[in-house]
Each structure stands twice: as C-alpha cells, then as structure tokens.
Amino acid sequence: MTKRMPAKRRYLASSPFQPKPAEVIEQYAVGDRVSHDTYGVGRVIDQDGSAVTVNFGSQTVRVASPFHKMERL
C-alpha cells in the first residue's frame, strides 16, 4: 500500500493568511554524528535515498525520511 501525499493548497494573492513554508528535509552523509530522541547518539553508516542507517552502539537502525526525531551534532 502506497502512501499518498495530499495535494498542495493554492493560496490567493489577496489572502490575509500566509502559505506554510516548504519543509526542508535535512540530508545526512556517511560519518555524520547524529542524536535521535529515542535511540540516543549515533553515527550514520549508510545512506539509501530517503533513509539512513545509523549505528547507535548497541543497535543499528534504519531511519526513514523525514527525520523529525533526529538532528546532526
């Protein structure tokens, strides 16, 4: 089953509301140190398109994009 993305909303130029800014998805390279909310501190060991594999010491986890719970150190 594929995940469908909702259609982008169109905003009128005269609208008093501002459109939401485009979400920037952070890119990680092999060797980057990262911190994850659940798993702690780790190092990126593989990058596969929209996902990265991170070694957290006690376990290796594949984290899919977008990386809401992970940040670069």
N, C-alpha and C. Protein backbone atom coordinates (compact mmCIF):
# COMPACT_ATOMS: atom_id res chain seq x y z
N MET A 1 0.84 -1.16 0.00
CA MET A 1 0.00 0.00 0.00
C MET A 1 0.89 1.24 0.00
N THR A 2 0.64 2.14 -0.91
CA THR A 2 1.47 3.33 -1.01
C THR A 2 0.84 4.48 -0.24
N LYS A 3 1.69 5.34 0.24
CA LYS A 3 1.24 6.50 1.00
C LYS A 3 1.02 7.64 0.02
N ARG A 4 -0.17 8.20 0.02
CA ARG A 4 -0.49 9.29 -0.89
C ARG A 4 -0.23 10.62 -0.20
N MET A 5 0.38 11.51 -0.94
CA MET A 5 0.63 12.84 -0.43
C MET A 5 -0.56 13.73 -0.79
N PRO A 6 -1.02 14.57 0.14
CA PRO A 6 -2.14 15.45 -0.17
C PRO A 6 -1.74 16.49 -1.20
N ALA A 7 -2.71 16.95 -1.97
CA ALA A 7 -2.45 17.97 -2.97
C ALA A 7 -2.06 19.27 -2.28
N LYS A 8 -1.18 20.04 -2.93
CA LYS A 8 -0.78 21.32 -2.35
C LYS A 8 -1.94 22.29 -2.43
N ARG A 9 -2.12 23.04 -1.37
CA ARG A 9 -3.18 24.03 -1.34
C ARG A 9 -2.76 25.25 -2.13
N ARG A 10 -3.72 25.81 -2.82
CA ARG A 10 -3.46 27.05 -3.54
C ARG A 10 -3.93 28.22 -2.67
N TYR A 11 -3.17 29.27 -2.68
CA TYR A 11 -3.49 30.45 -1.89
C TYR A 11 -3.72 31.62 -2.82
N LEU A 12 -4.73 32.41 -2.52
CA LEU A 12 -4.99 33.61 -3.30
C LEU A 12 -3.99 34.68 -2.93
N ALA A 13 -3.60 35.48 -3.90
CA ALA A 13 -2.64 36.54 -3.65
C ALA A 13 -3.20 37.56 -2.66
N SER A 14 -4.52 37.71 -2.64
CA SER A 14 -5.14 38.69 -1.75
C SER A 14 -5.48 38.12 -0.38
N SER A 15 -5.11 36.88 -0.12
CA SER A 15 -5.44 36.23 1.14
C SER A 15 -4.64 36.86 2.29
N PRO A 16 -5.28 37.08 3.45
CA PRO A 16 -4.54 37.63 4.59
C PRO A 16 -3.67 36.59 5.28
N PHE A 17 -3.83 35.32 4.92
CA PHE A 17 -3.05 34.25 5.53
C PHE A 17 -1.87 33.88 4.65
N GLN A 18 -0.74 33.64 5.27
CA GLN A 18 0.46 33.27 4.54
C GLN A 18 0.50 31.76 4.35
N PRO A 19 0.95 31.30 3.17
CA PRO A 19 1.09 29.84 2.99
C PRO A 19 2.20 29.31 3.88
N LYS A 20 2.11 28.03 4.22
CA LYS A 20 3.13 27.40 5.04
C LYS A 20 4.43 27.33 4.24
N PRO A 21 5.57 27.61 4.87
CA PRO A 21 6.84 27.49 4.14
C PRO A 21 7.12 26.04 3.79
N ALA A 22 7.83 25.84 2.69
CA ALA A 22 8.17 24.48 2.26
C ALA A 22 9.06 23.83 3.31
N GLU A 23 8.77 22.59 3.64
CA GLU A 23 9.53 21.86 4.65
C GLU A 23 10.88 21.44 4.07
N VAL A 24 11.94 21.78 4.77
CA VAL A 24 13.29 21.42 4.32
C VAL A 24 13.68 20.11 4.99
N ILE A 25 13.99 19.11 4.18
CA ILE A 25 14.39 17.82 4.71
C ILE A 25 15.91 17.79 4.77
N GLU A 26 16.44 17.59 5.95
CA GLU A 26 17.89 17.60 6.14
C GLU A 26 18.53 16.37 5.50
N GLN A 27 19.68 16.58 4.88
CA GLN A 27 20.43 15.49 4.25
C GLN A 27 21.58 15.10 5.16
N TYR A 28 21.83 13.81 5.27
CA TYR A 28 22.92 13.30 6.10
C TYR A 28 23.92 12.56 5.22
N ALA A 29 25.18 12.66 5.58
CA ALA A 29 26.24 11.97 4.86
C ALA A 29 26.81 10.87 5.76
N VAL A 30 27.43 9.89 5.13
CA VAL A 30 28.05 8.80 5.88
C VAL A 30 29.14 9.39 6.77
N GLY A 31 29.11 9.02 8.04
CA GLY A 31 30.09 9.52 9.01
C GLY A 31 29.56 10.64 9.89
N ASP A 32 28.40 11.21 9.56
CA ASP A 32 27.82 12.27 10.39
C ASP A 32 27.41 11.72 11.75
N ARG A 33 27.69 12.48 12.81
CA ARG A 33 27.21 12.11 14.15
C ARG A 33 25.83 12.72 14.31
N VAL A 34 24.89 11.93 14.83
CA VAL A 34 23.51 12.38 14.98
C VAL A 34 23.00 12.05 16.37
N SER A 35 21.94 12.73 16.76
CA SER A 35 21.25 12.46 18.01
C SER A 35 19.79 12.17 17.68
N HIS A 36 19.28 11.05 18.19
CA HIS A 36 17.90 10.64 17.96
C HIS A 36 17.16 10.67 19.29
N ASP A 37 15.90 11.12 19.27
CA ASP A 37 15.12 11.25 20.50
C ASP A 37 14.94 9.91 21.22
N THR A 38 14.81 8.82 20.48
CA THR A 38 14.57 7.51 21.08
C THR A 38 15.84 6.72 21.32
N TYR A 39 16.76 6.71 20.33
CA TYR A 39 17.92 5.83 20.37
C TYR A 39 19.18 6.48 20.93
N GLY A 40 19.24 7.80 21.00
CA GLY A 40 20.41 8.48 21.54
C GLY A 40 21.38 8.92 20.46
N VAL A 41 22.67 8.92 20.79
CA VAL A 41 23.72 9.40 19.89
C VAL A 41 24.24 8.25 19.04
N GLY A 42 24.46 8.54 17.75
CA GLY A 42 24.97 7.51 16.86
C GLY A 42 25.70 8.12 15.68
N ARG A 43 26.12 7.25 14.76
CA ARG A 43 26.86 7.69 13.57
C ARG A 43 26.22 7.07 12.34
N VAL A 44 26.03 7.90 11.28
CA VAL A 44 25.45 7.43 10.03
C VAL A 44 26.45 6.50 9.35
N ILE A 45 26.01 5.27 9.03
CA ILE A 45 26.91 4.31 8.38
C ILE A 45 26.51 4.00 6.95
N ASP A 46 25.28 4.38 6.55
CA ASP A 46 24.83 4.14 5.17
C ASP A 46 23.72 5.11 4.83
N GLN A 47 23.71 5.55 3.56
CA GLN A 47 22.66 6.44 3.08
C GLN A 47 22.01 5.78 1.88
N ASP A 48 20.68 5.64 1.94
CA ASP A 48 19.96 4.95 0.88
C ASP A 48 18.79 5.82 0.43
N GLY A 49 19.03 6.77 -0.44
CA GLY A 49 17.96 7.62 -0.96
C GLY A 49 17.27 8.41 0.13
N SER A 50 16.08 7.96 0.53
CA SER A 50 15.29 8.70 1.50
C SER A 50 15.43 8.16 2.92
N ALA A 51 16.41 7.32 3.17
CA ALA A 51 16.62 6.77 4.51
C ALA A 51 18.11 6.68 4.80
N VAL A 52 18.44 6.66 6.09
CA VAL A 52 19.82 6.47 6.51
C VAL A 52 19.87 5.35 7.54
N THR A 53 20.99 4.65 7.56
CA THR A 53 21.22 3.61 8.56
C THR A 53 22.19 4.18 9.58
N VAL A 54 21.81 4.11 10.86
CA VAL A 54 22.60 4.72 11.92
C VAL A 54 23.00 3.66 12.93
N ASN A 55 24.28 3.67 13.31
CA ASN A 55 24.80 2.77 14.35
C ASN A 55 24.75 3.52 15.67
N PHE A 56 23.92 3.03 16.60
CA PHE A 56 23.78 3.66 17.90
C PHE A 56 24.56 2.93 18.98
N GLY A 57 25.53 2.12 18.58
CA GLY A 57 26.34 1.38 19.55
C GLY A 57 25.74 0.02 19.85
N SER A 58 24.64 -0.02 20.56
CA SER A 58 24.01 -1.29 20.92
C SER A 58 23.13 -1.84 19.81
N GLN A 59 22.73 -0.99 18.87
CA GLN A 59 21.88 -1.45 17.78
C GLN A 59 22.07 -0.57 16.55
N THR A 60 21.71 -1.12 15.39
CA THR A 60 21.76 -0.39 14.14
C THR A 60 20.33 -0.22 13.66
N VAL A 61 19.94 1.03 13.33
CA VAL A 61 18.56 1.33 12.98
C VAL A 61 18.52 2.07 11.65
N ARG A 62 17.55 1.69 10.81
CA ARG A 62 17.30 2.40 9.55
C ARG A 62 16.22 3.43 9.83
N VAL A 63 16.55 4.71 9.63
CA VAL A 63 15.64 5.81 9.92
C VAL A 63 15.18 6.39 8.59
N ALA A 64 13.87 6.41 8.36
CA ALA A 64 13.32 6.91 7.11
C ALA A 64 13.10 8.41 7.16
N SER A 65 13.13 9.03 5.99
CA SER A 65 12.87 10.46 5.85
C SER A 65 11.37 10.71 5.97
N PRO A 66 10.92 11.80 6.49
CA PRO A 66 11.65 12.92 7.08
C PRO A 66 12.14 12.58 8.48
N PHE A 67 13.23 13.19 8.85
CA PHE A 67 13.92 12.85 10.09
C PHE A 67 13.49 13.78 11.22
N HIS A 68 12.23 13.68 11.66
CA HIS A 68 11.71 14.60 12.67
C HIS A 68 12.37 14.42 14.03
N LYS A 69 12.76 13.20 14.37
CA LYS A 69 13.31 12.94 15.71
C LYS A 69 14.83 12.90 15.73
N MET A 70 15.48 13.29 14.63
CA MET A 70 16.93 13.17 14.55
C MET A 70 17.54 14.50 14.14
N GLU A 71 18.69 14.82 14.75
CA GLU A 71 19.40 16.05 14.38
C GLU A 71 20.89 15.80 14.34
N ARG A 72 21.58 16.57 13.50
CA ARG A 72 23.03 16.44 13.34
C ARG A 72 23.73 17.12 14.52
N LEU A 73 24.80 16.50 14.99
CA LEU A 73 25.59 17.08 16.08
C LEU A 73 26.77 17.84 15.52
